[in-house]
Amino acid sequence: WGETYQALQQGACDALNVAIGALTAFKINETLGSCTFIDMSPNAHVTILNKAWYDGLPADIRRAIDRAALEAWEYQKAEQKKVNDQISAQWKSQGIKFVHNTPQERKTWIEAVGHQRPEWNQWKDRYGRDLYNQIVKVVEKLS
């Protein structure tokens, strides 16, 4: 990470996938000519609970935790959007061009690197396909 600014500046690296807040904090945006949004969030904020503990809670408490988690996620996304909008305005004033993928480009991107590809199977097996499938269902439901 410490060499990213120089690598981009010198052309040794021509792309990276990092949240624009981090790029701004480390002034890496000074080296950029363009920014492409691929509709992927590098700003994952995760809360982890012990399943046995959670399952042992009364149903109303579990529902309250689930509701609070969804509310917190929506809040985080809204706040992140505000920050991204502010940073985007700053970057545009510096001459950085923004690219937003069309639906067809997004489809092509997913086909090229998406979670359905076989190279991700080792991680699904390592961390559990059941958990993976649950996450996919939640994401699809919330999208």
N, C-alpha and C. Protein backbone atom coordinates (compact mmCIF):
# COMPACT_ATOMS: atom_id res chain seq x y z
N TRP A 1 0.82 -1.18 0.00
CA TRP A 1 0.00 0.00 0.00
C TRP A 1 0.87 1.25 0.00
N GLY A 2 1.97 1.19 0.72
CA GLY A 2 2.86 2.34 0.83
C GLY A 2 3.45 2.78 -0.50
N GLU A 3 3.50 1.90 -1.47
CA GLU A 3 4.08 2.22 -2.78
C GLU A 3 3.02 2.48 -3.85
N THR A 4 1.76 2.46 -3.48
CA THR A 4 0.68 2.58 -4.45
C THR A 4 0.71 3.93 -5.18
N TYR A 5 0.88 5.00 -4.44
CA TYR A 5 0.90 6.34 -5.04
C TYR A 5 1.96 6.40 -6.13
N GLN A 6 3.15 6.01 -5.78
CA GLN A 6 4.27 6.07 -6.72
C GLN A 6 4.06 5.11 -7.90
N ALA A 7 3.54 3.92 -7.64
CA ALA A 7 3.31 2.95 -8.71
C ALA A 7 2.31 3.49 -9.73
N LEU A 8 1.26 4.13 -9.26
CA LEU A 8 0.28 4.72 -10.17
C LEU A 8 0.88 5.92 -10.91
N GLN A 9 1.60 6.73 -10.18
CA GLN A 9 2.21 7.93 -10.77
C GLN A 9 3.19 7.56 -11.88
N GLN A 10 3.94 6.49 -11.68
CA GLN A 10 4.97 6.09 -12.65
C GLN A 10 4.44 5.13 -13.71
N GLY A 11 3.19 4.69 -13.58
CA GLY A 11 2.62 3.80 -14.58
C GLY A 11 2.94 2.33 -14.36
N ALA A 12 3.55 1.99 -13.23
CA ALA A 12 3.83 0.58 -12.93
C ALA A 12 2.54 -0.16 -12.61
N CYS A 13 1.54 0.58 -12.18
CA CYS A 13 0.20 0.05 -11.87
C CYS A 13 -0.79 0.97 -12.58
N ASP A 14 -1.81 0.39 -13.19
CA ASP A 14 -2.75 1.26 -13.89
C ASP A 14 -4.19 1.15 -13.37
N ALA A 15 -4.41 0.36 -12.33
CA ALA A 15 -5.75 0.26 -11.77
C ALA A 15 -5.69 -0.36 -10.38
N LEU A 16 -6.69 -0.05 -9.57
CA LEU A 16 -6.84 -0.67 -8.27
C LEU A 16 -8.30 -0.58 -7.86
N ASN A 17 -8.69 -1.39 -6.90
CA ASN A 17 -10.07 -1.42 -6.43
C ASN A 17 -10.07 -1.11 -4.95
N VAL A 18 -10.29 0.16 -4.64
CA VAL A 18 -10.25 0.63 -3.27
C VAL A 18 -11.35 1.68 -3.11
N ALA A 19 -11.90 1.81 -1.93
CA ALA A 19 -12.90 2.83 -1.66
C ALA A 19 -12.31 4.22 -1.92
N ILE A 20 -13.14 5.12 -2.46
CA ILE A 20 -12.61 6.43 -2.81
C ILE A 20 -12.22 7.24 -1.58
N GLY A 21 -12.79 6.91 -0.43
CA GLY A 21 -12.38 7.60 0.80
C GLY A 21 -10.94 7.31 1.15
N ALA A 22 -10.56 6.05 1.04
CA ALA A 22 -9.16 5.68 1.33
C ALA A 22 -8.22 6.29 0.30
N LEU A 23 -8.63 6.32 -0.95
CA LEU A 23 -7.78 6.93 -1.98
C LEU A 23 -7.57 8.42 -1.71
N THR A 24 -8.60 9.07 -1.20
CA THR A 24 -8.50 10.49 -0.88
C THR A 24 -7.64 10.69 0.37
N ALA A 25 -7.85 9.87 1.37
CA ALA A 25 -7.10 10.01 2.62
C ALA A 25 -5.60 9.89 2.39
N PHE A 26 -5.21 9.04 1.44
CA PHE A 26 -3.79 8.85 1.16
C PHE A 26 -3.33 9.62 -0.07
N LYS A 27 -4.19 10.54 -0.55
CA LYS A 27 -3.89 11.43 -1.68
C LYS A 27 -3.59 10.70 -2.98
N ILE A 28 -4.01 9.45 -3.06
CA ILE A 28 -3.78 8.67 -4.27
C ILE A 28 -4.62 9.22 -5.42
N ASN A 29 -5.72 9.91 -5.10
CA ASN A 29 -6.53 10.52 -6.16
C ASN A 29 -5.72 11.51 -6.99
N GLU A 30 -4.65 12.03 -6.44
CA GLU A 30 -3.80 12.97 -7.19
C GLU A 30 -3.16 12.31 -8.42
N THR A 31 -3.10 10.99 -8.42
CA THR A 31 -2.46 10.28 -9.53
C THR A 31 -3.47 9.77 -10.56
N LEU A 32 -4.76 9.95 -10.28
CA LEU A 32 -5.80 9.34 -11.11
C LEU A 32 -6.31 10.27 -12.20
N GLY A 33 -6.64 9.67 -13.34
CA GLY A 33 -7.28 10.39 -14.41
C GLY A 33 -8.75 10.02 -14.53
N SER A 34 -9.09 8.83 -14.04
CA SER A 34 -10.47 8.37 -14.11
C SER A 34 -10.79 7.45 -12.95
N CYS A 35 -12.08 7.28 -12.73
CA CYS A 35 -12.58 6.41 -11.67
C CYS A 35 -13.81 5.70 -12.21
N THR A 36 -13.80 4.39 -12.16
CA THR A 36 -14.94 3.60 -12.64
C THR A 36 -15.64 2.97 -11.45
N PHE A 37 -16.94 3.19 -11.36
CA PHE A 37 -17.74 2.55 -10.33
C PHE A 37 -18.30 1.25 -10.88
N ILE A 38 -18.05 0.15 -10.17
CA ILE A 38 -18.47 -1.17 -10.63
C ILE A 38 -19.61 -1.73 -9.78
N ASP A 39 -20.20 -0.90 -8.93
CA ASP A 39 -21.32 -1.32 -8.09
C ASP A 39 -20.92 -2.45 -7.17
N MET A 40 -19.78 -2.26 -6.53
CA MET A 40 -19.28 -3.21 -5.54
C MET A 40 -18.86 -2.40 -4.33
N SER A 41 -19.20 -2.83 -3.17
CA SER A 41 -18.85 -2.05 -1.98
C SER A 41 -17.59 -2.57 -1.31
N PRO A 42 -16.53 -1.76 -1.34
CA PRO A 42 -15.35 -2.14 -0.57
C PRO A 42 -15.45 -1.70 0.88
N ASN A 43 -16.60 -1.17 1.27
CA ASN A 43 -16.79 -0.65 2.62
C ASN A 43 -17.67 -1.58 3.44
N ALA A 44 -17.26 -2.82 3.56
CA ALA A 44 -18.05 -3.78 4.31
C ALA A 44 -17.91 -3.53 5.81
N HIS A 45 -19.03 -3.37 6.45
CA HIS A 45 -19.06 -3.22 7.91
C HIS A 45 -19.83 -4.42 8.43
N VAL A 46 -19.16 -5.28 9.15
CA VAL A 46 -19.73 -6.57 9.51
C VAL A 46 -19.86 -6.67 11.03
N THR A 47 -20.99 -7.20 11.46
CA THR A 47 -21.18 -7.55 12.87
C THR A 47 -21.29 -9.06 12.94
N ILE A 48 -20.53 -9.65 13.82
CA ILE A 48 -20.51 -11.11 13.94
C ILE A 48 -21.00 -11.49 15.33
N LEU A 49 -21.91 -12.46 15.36
CA LEU A 49 -22.44 -12.98 16.61
C LEU A 49 -22.19 -14.47 16.70
N ASN A 50 -22.03 -14.95 17.91
CA ASN A 50 -21.92 -16.39 18.14
C ASN A 50 -23.29 -17.02 17.87
N LYS A 51 -23.33 -17.98 16.94
CA LYS A 51 -24.60 -18.57 16.53
C LYS A 51 -25.31 -19.25 17.70
N ALA A 52 -24.60 -19.99 18.51
CA ALA A 52 -25.24 -20.67 19.64
C ALA A 52 -25.85 -19.65 20.60
N TRP A 53 -25.14 -18.56 20.86
CA TRP A 53 -25.67 -17.51 21.72
C TRP A 53 -26.91 -16.90 21.10
N TYR A 54 -26.81 -16.54 19.80
CA TYR A 54 -27.94 -15.91 19.09
C TYR A 54 -29.15 -16.84 19.08
N ASP A 55 -28.92 -18.10 18.74
CA ASP A 55 -30.03 -19.07 18.69
C ASP A 55 -30.68 -19.27 20.06
N GLY A 56 -29.93 -19.03 21.13
CA GLY A 56 -30.46 -19.19 22.47
C GLY A 56 -31.29 -18.01 22.96
N LEU A 57 -31.30 -16.94 22.20
CA LEU A 57 -32.07 -15.76 22.60
C LEU A 57 -33.55 -15.96 22.30
N PRO A 58 -34.40 -15.28 23.03
CA PRO A 58 -35.83 -15.34 22.72
C PRO A 58 -36.08 -14.79 21.31
N ALA A 59 -37.12 -15.27 20.66
CA ALA A 59 -37.42 -14.90 19.27
C ALA A 59 -37.58 -13.40 19.10
N ASP A 60 -38.23 -12.72 20.07
CA ASP A 60 -38.42 -11.28 19.92
C ASP A 60 -37.09 -10.53 19.97
N ILE A 61 -36.15 -11.02 20.75
CA ILE A 61 -34.83 -10.39 20.83
C ILE A 61 -34.08 -10.61 19.51
N ARG A 62 -34.16 -11.84 18.96
CA ARG A 62 -33.51 -12.12 17.67
C ARG A 62 -34.08 -11.22 16.58
N ARG A 63 -35.40 -11.05 16.58
CA ARG A 63 -36.03 -10.18 15.58
C ARG A 63 -35.55 -8.74 15.75
N ALA A 64 -35.41 -8.29 16.98
CA ALA A 64 -34.93 -6.92 17.23
C ALA A 64 -33.49 -6.75 16.75
N ILE A 65 -32.66 -7.76 17.00
CA ILE A 65 -31.27 -7.70 16.52
C ILE A 65 -31.24 -7.69 15.00
N ASP A 66 -32.04 -8.53 14.37
CA ASP A 66 -32.09 -8.58 12.91
C ASP A 66 -32.55 -7.23 12.34
N ARG A 67 -33.59 -6.67 12.93
CA ARG A 67 -34.10 -5.38 12.48
C ARG A 67 -33.04 -4.28 12.65
N ALA A 68 -32.37 -4.28 13.80
CA ALA A 68 -31.33 -3.29 14.05
C ALA A 68 -30.17 -3.43 13.06
N ALA A 69 -29.83 -4.67 12.71
CA ALA A 69 -28.75 -4.90 11.76
C ALA A 69 -29.12 -4.34 10.39
N LEU A 70 -30.36 -4.57 9.95
CA LEU A 70 -30.80 -4.03 8.67
C LEU A 70 -30.84 -2.50 8.69
N GLU A 71 -31.32 -1.93 9.79
CA GLU A 71 -31.35 -0.47 9.91
C GLU A 71 -29.93 0.11 9.90
N ALA A 72 -29.02 -0.55 10.60
CA ALA A 72 -27.63 -0.08 10.63
C ALA A 72 -27.00 -0.17 9.25
N TRP A 73 -27.31 -1.23 8.51
CA TRP A 73 -26.77 -1.37 7.16
C TRP A 73 -27.30 -0.26 6.25
N GLU A 74 -28.60 0.00 6.33
CA GLU A 74 -29.18 1.08 5.51
C GLU A 74 -28.56 2.43 5.88
N TYR A 75 -28.37 2.67 7.17
CA TYR A 75 -27.76 3.91 7.62
C TYR A 75 -26.33 4.03 7.10
N GLN A 76 -25.57 2.95 7.21
CA GLN A 76 -24.19 2.97 6.73
C GLN A 76 -24.13 3.25 5.24
N LYS A 77 -25.01 2.61 4.47
CA LYS A 77 -25.02 2.84 3.03
C LYS A 77 -25.36 4.29 2.71
N ALA A 78 -26.33 4.86 3.42
CA ALA A 78 -26.73 6.25 3.18
C ALA A 78 -25.59 7.21 3.53
N GLU A 79 -24.95 6.97 4.66
CA GLU A 79 -23.83 7.84 5.06
C GLU A 79 -22.65 7.69 4.10
N GLN A 80 -22.39 6.47 3.65
CA GLN A 80 -21.29 6.25 2.71
C GLN A 80 -21.58 6.96 1.39
N LYS A 81 -22.85 6.95 0.97
CA LYS A 81 -23.22 7.65 -0.27
C LYS A 81 -22.95 9.14 -0.13
N LYS A 82 -23.29 9.73 1.02
CA LYS A 82 -23.03 11.16 1.23
C LYS A 82 -21.54 11.46 1.10
N VAL A 83 -20.72 10.64 1.75
CA VAL A 83 -19.27 10.84 1.68
C VAL A 83 -18.77 10.66 0.25
N ASN A 84 -19.24 9.60 -0.41
CA ASN A 84 -18.82 9.36 -1.79
C ASN A 84 -19.22 10.52 -2.70
N ASP A 85 -20.42 11.08 -2.49
CA ASP A 85 -20.86 12.22 -3.30
C ASP A 85 -19.95 13.43 -3.08
N GLN A 86 -19.58 13.68 -1.83
CA GLN A 86 -18.68 14.80 -1.53
C GLN A 86 -17.31 14.60 -2.18
N ILE A 87 -16.78 13.40 -2.04
CA ILE A 87 -15.48 13.10 -2.63
C ILE A 87 -15.54 13.16 -4.15
N SER A 88 -16.61 12.63 -4.72
CA SER A 88 -16.76 12.67 -6.17
C SER A 88 -16.76 14.10 -6.69
N ALA A 89 -17.46 14.99 -6.00
CA ALA A 89 -17.48 16.40 -6.41
C ALA A 89 -16.07 16.99 -6.35
N GLN A 90 -15.35 16.66 -5.30
CA GLN A 90 -13.97 17.14 -5.16
C GLN A 90 -13.11 16.62 -6.31
N TRP A 91 -13.23 15.32 -6.59
CA TRP A 91 -12.43 14.72 -7.65
C TRP A 91 -12.77 15.32 -9.01
N LYS A 92 -14.07 15.52 -9.27
CA LYS A 92 -14.47 16.11 -10.56
C LYS A 92 -13.86 17.50 -10.72
N SER A 93 -13.81 18.26 -9.63
CA SER A 93 -13.20 19.60 -9.71
C SER A 93 -11.70 19.52 -9.99
N GLN A 94 -11.11 18.37 -9.71
CA GLN A 94 -9.68 18.15 -10.00
C GLN A 94 -9.48 17.57 -11.39
N GLY A 95 -10.58 17.36 -12.13
CA GLY A 95 -10.48 16.85 -13.49
C GLY A 95 -10.53 15.35 -13.64
N ILE A 96 -10.85 14.64 -12.58
CA ILE A 96 -10.93 13.18 -12.67
C ILE A 96 -12.26 12.82 -13.33
N LYS A 97 -12.19 11.97 -14.35
CA LYS A 97 -13.37 11.54 -15.11
C LYS A 97 -14.01 10.34 -14.40
N PHE A 98 -15.33 10.33 -14.35
CA PHE A 98 -16.06 9.23 -13.73
C PHE A 98 -16.77 8.39 -14.78
N VAL A 99 -16.71 7.08 -14.59
CA VAL A 99 -17.36 6.14 -15.48
C VAL A 99 -18.31 5.29 -14.64
N HIS A 100 -19.55 5.22 -15.08
CA HIS A 100 -20.54 4.37 -14.42
C HIS A 100 -20.97 3.32 -15.45
N ASN A 101 -20.83 2.07 -15.09
CA ASN A 101 -21.14 0.99 -16.03
C ASN A 101 -22.61 0.96 -16.41
N THR A 102 -22.87 0.62 -17.66
CA THR A 102 -24.23 0.37 -18.13
C THR A 102 -24.67 -0.99 -17.57
N PRO A 103 -25.94 -1.29 -17.61
CA PRO A 103 -26.39 -2.62 -17.16
C PRO A 103 -25.68 -3.75 -17.91
N GLN A 104 -25.45 -3.59 -19.21
CA GLN A 104 -24.75 -4.64 -19.97
C GLN A 104 -23.29 -4.77 -19.53
N GLU A 105 -22.64 -3.64 -19.26
CA GLU A 105 -21.26 -3.69 -18.77
C GLU A 105 -21.19 -4.35 -17.40
N ARG A 106 -22.17 -4.05 -16.55
CA ARG A 106 -22.23 -4.71 -15.23
C ARG A 106 -22.41 -6.21 -15.40
N LYS A 107 -23.28 -6.62 -16.30
CA LYS A 107 -23.49 -8.04 -16.56
C LYS A 107 -22.18 -8.69 -17.02
N THR A 108 -21.47 -8.04 -17.92
CA THR A 108 -20.19 -8.55 -18.41
C THR A 108 -19.19 -8.67 -17.26
N TRP A 109 -19.17 -7.67 -16.40
CA TRP A 109 -18.27 -7.67 -15.24
C TRP A 109 -18.57 -8.87 -14.34
N ILE A 110 -19.84 -9.09 -14.05
CA ILE A 110 -20.23 -10.21 -13.18
C ILE A 110 -19.85 -11.54 -13.83
N GLU A 111 -20.09 -11.65 -15.13
CA GLU A 111 -19.71 -12.89 -15.82
C GLU A 111 -18.20 -13.14 -15.73
N ALA A 112 -17.42 -12.07 -15.75
CA ALA A 112 -15.96 -12.20 -15.75
C ALA A 112 -15.39 -12.51 -14.37
N VAL A 113 -15.98 -11.94 -13.31
CA VAL A 113 -15.37 -12.10 -11.97
C VAL A 113 -16.36 -12.44 -10.87
N GLY A 114 -17.62 -12.64 -11.21
CA GLY A 114 -18.67 -12.82 -10.20
C GLY A 114 -18.57 -14.08 -9.38
N HIS A 115 -19.37 -14.12 -8.34
CA HIS A 115 -19.33 -15.20 -7.35
C HIS A 115 -19.71 -16.56 -7.92
N GLN A 116 -20.32 -16.60 -9.10
CA GLN A 116 -20.70 -17.87 -9.70
C GLN A 116 -19.53 -18.60 -10.35
N ARG A 117 -18.40 -17.94 -10.50
CA ARG A 117 -17.25 -18.53 -11.19
C ARG A 117 -16.60 -19.62 -10.34
N PRO A 118 -16.06 -20.66 -10.99
CA PRO A 118 -15.53 -21.81 -10.26
C PRO A 118 -14.31 -21.50 -9.38
N GLU A 119 -13.56 -20.46 -9.71
CA GLU A 119 -12.39 -20.16 -8.88
C GLU A 119 -12.76 -19.72 -7.47
N TRP A 120 -14.02 -19.36 -7.24
CA TRP A 120 -14.46 -18.99 -5.90
C TRP A 120 -14.88 -20.20 -5.07
N ASN A 121 -15.00 -21.37 -5.69
CA ASN A 121 -15.47 -22.56 -4.98
C ASN A 121 -14.60 -22.94 -3.79
N GLN A 122 -13.28 -22.77 -3.93
CA GLN A 122 -12.39 -23.13 -2.81
C GLN A 122 -12.73 -22.33 -1.55
N TRP A 123 -13.14 -21.07 -1.73
CA TRP A 123 -13.47 -20.24 -0.57
C TRP A 123 -14.84 -20.58 -0.04
N LYS A 124 -15.74 -20.92 -0.92
CA LYS A 124 -17.08 -21.35 -0.46
C LYS A 124 -16.95 -22.63 0.35
N ASP A 125 -16.10 -23.55 -0.14
CA ASP A 125 -15.88 -24.80 0.60
C ASP A 125 -15.17 -24.55 1.92
N ARG A 126 -14.20 -23.66 1.90
CA ARG A 126 -13.42 -23.39 3.11
C ARG A 126 -14.26 -22.76 4.22
N TYR A 127 -15.10 -21.79 3.84
CA TYR A 127 -15.86 -21.06 4.85
C TYR A 127 -17.29 -21.54 5.00
N GLY A 128 -17.73 -22.42 4.13
CA GLY A 128 -19.05 -23.02 4.27
C GLY A 128 -20.03 -22.56 3.22
N ARG A 129 -20.47 -23.50 2.42
CA ARG A 129 -21.42 -23.17 1.35
C ARG A 129 -22.77 -22.73 1.92
N ASP A 130 -23.16 -23.29 3.05
CA ASP A 130 -24.44 -22.87 3.64
C ASP A 130 -24.41 -21.39 3.98
N LEU A 131 -23.34 -20.95 4.63
CA LEU A 131 -23.20 -19.54 4.97
C LEU A 131 -23.17 -18.69 3.70
N TYR A 132 -22.41 -19.13 2.72
CA TYR A 132 -22.33 -18.42 1.45
C TYR A 132 -23.72 -18.27 0.84
N ASN A 133 -24.47 -19.35 0.77
CA ASN A 133 -25.80 -19.31 0.17
C ASN A 133 -26.75 -18.40 0.95
N GLN A 134 -26.60 -18.37 2.27
CA GLN A 134 -27.42 -17.47 3.08
C GLN A 134 -27.09 -16.01 2.76
N ILE A 135 -25.81 -15.71 2.60
CA ILE A 135 -25.40 -14.35 2.28
C ILE A 135 -25.94 -13.94 0.91
N VAL A 136 -25.86 -14.83 -0.07
CA VAL A 136 -26.39 -14.53 -1.41
C VAL A 136 -27.88 -14.23 -1.34
N LYS A 137 -28.62 -15.02 -0.57
CA LYS A 137 -30.07 -14.79 -0.44
C LYS A 137 -30.36 -13.43 0.19
N VAL A 138 -29.63 -13.08 1.23
CA VAL A 138 -29.85 -11.78 1.89
C VAL A 138 -29.54 -10.65 0.91
N VAL A 139 -28.43 -10.75 0.20
CA VAL A 139 -28.05 -9.70 -0.75
C VAL A 139 -29.09 -9.57 -1.84
N GLU A 140 -29.54 -10.70 -2.38
CA GLU A 140 -30.56 -10.65 -3.43
C GLU A 140 -31.85 -10.03 -2.91
N LYS A 141 -32.22 -10.35 -1.69
CA LYS A 141 -33.44 -9.81 -1.09
C LYS A 141 -33.34 -8.31 -0.90
N LEU A 142 -32.16 -7.83 -0.51
CA LEU A 142 -31.99 -6.41 -0.21
C LEU A 142 -31.64 -5.58 -1.44
N SER A 143 -31.27 -6.22 -2.51
CA SER A 143 -30.86 -5.46 -3.70
C SER A 143 -32.06 -4.92 -4.46
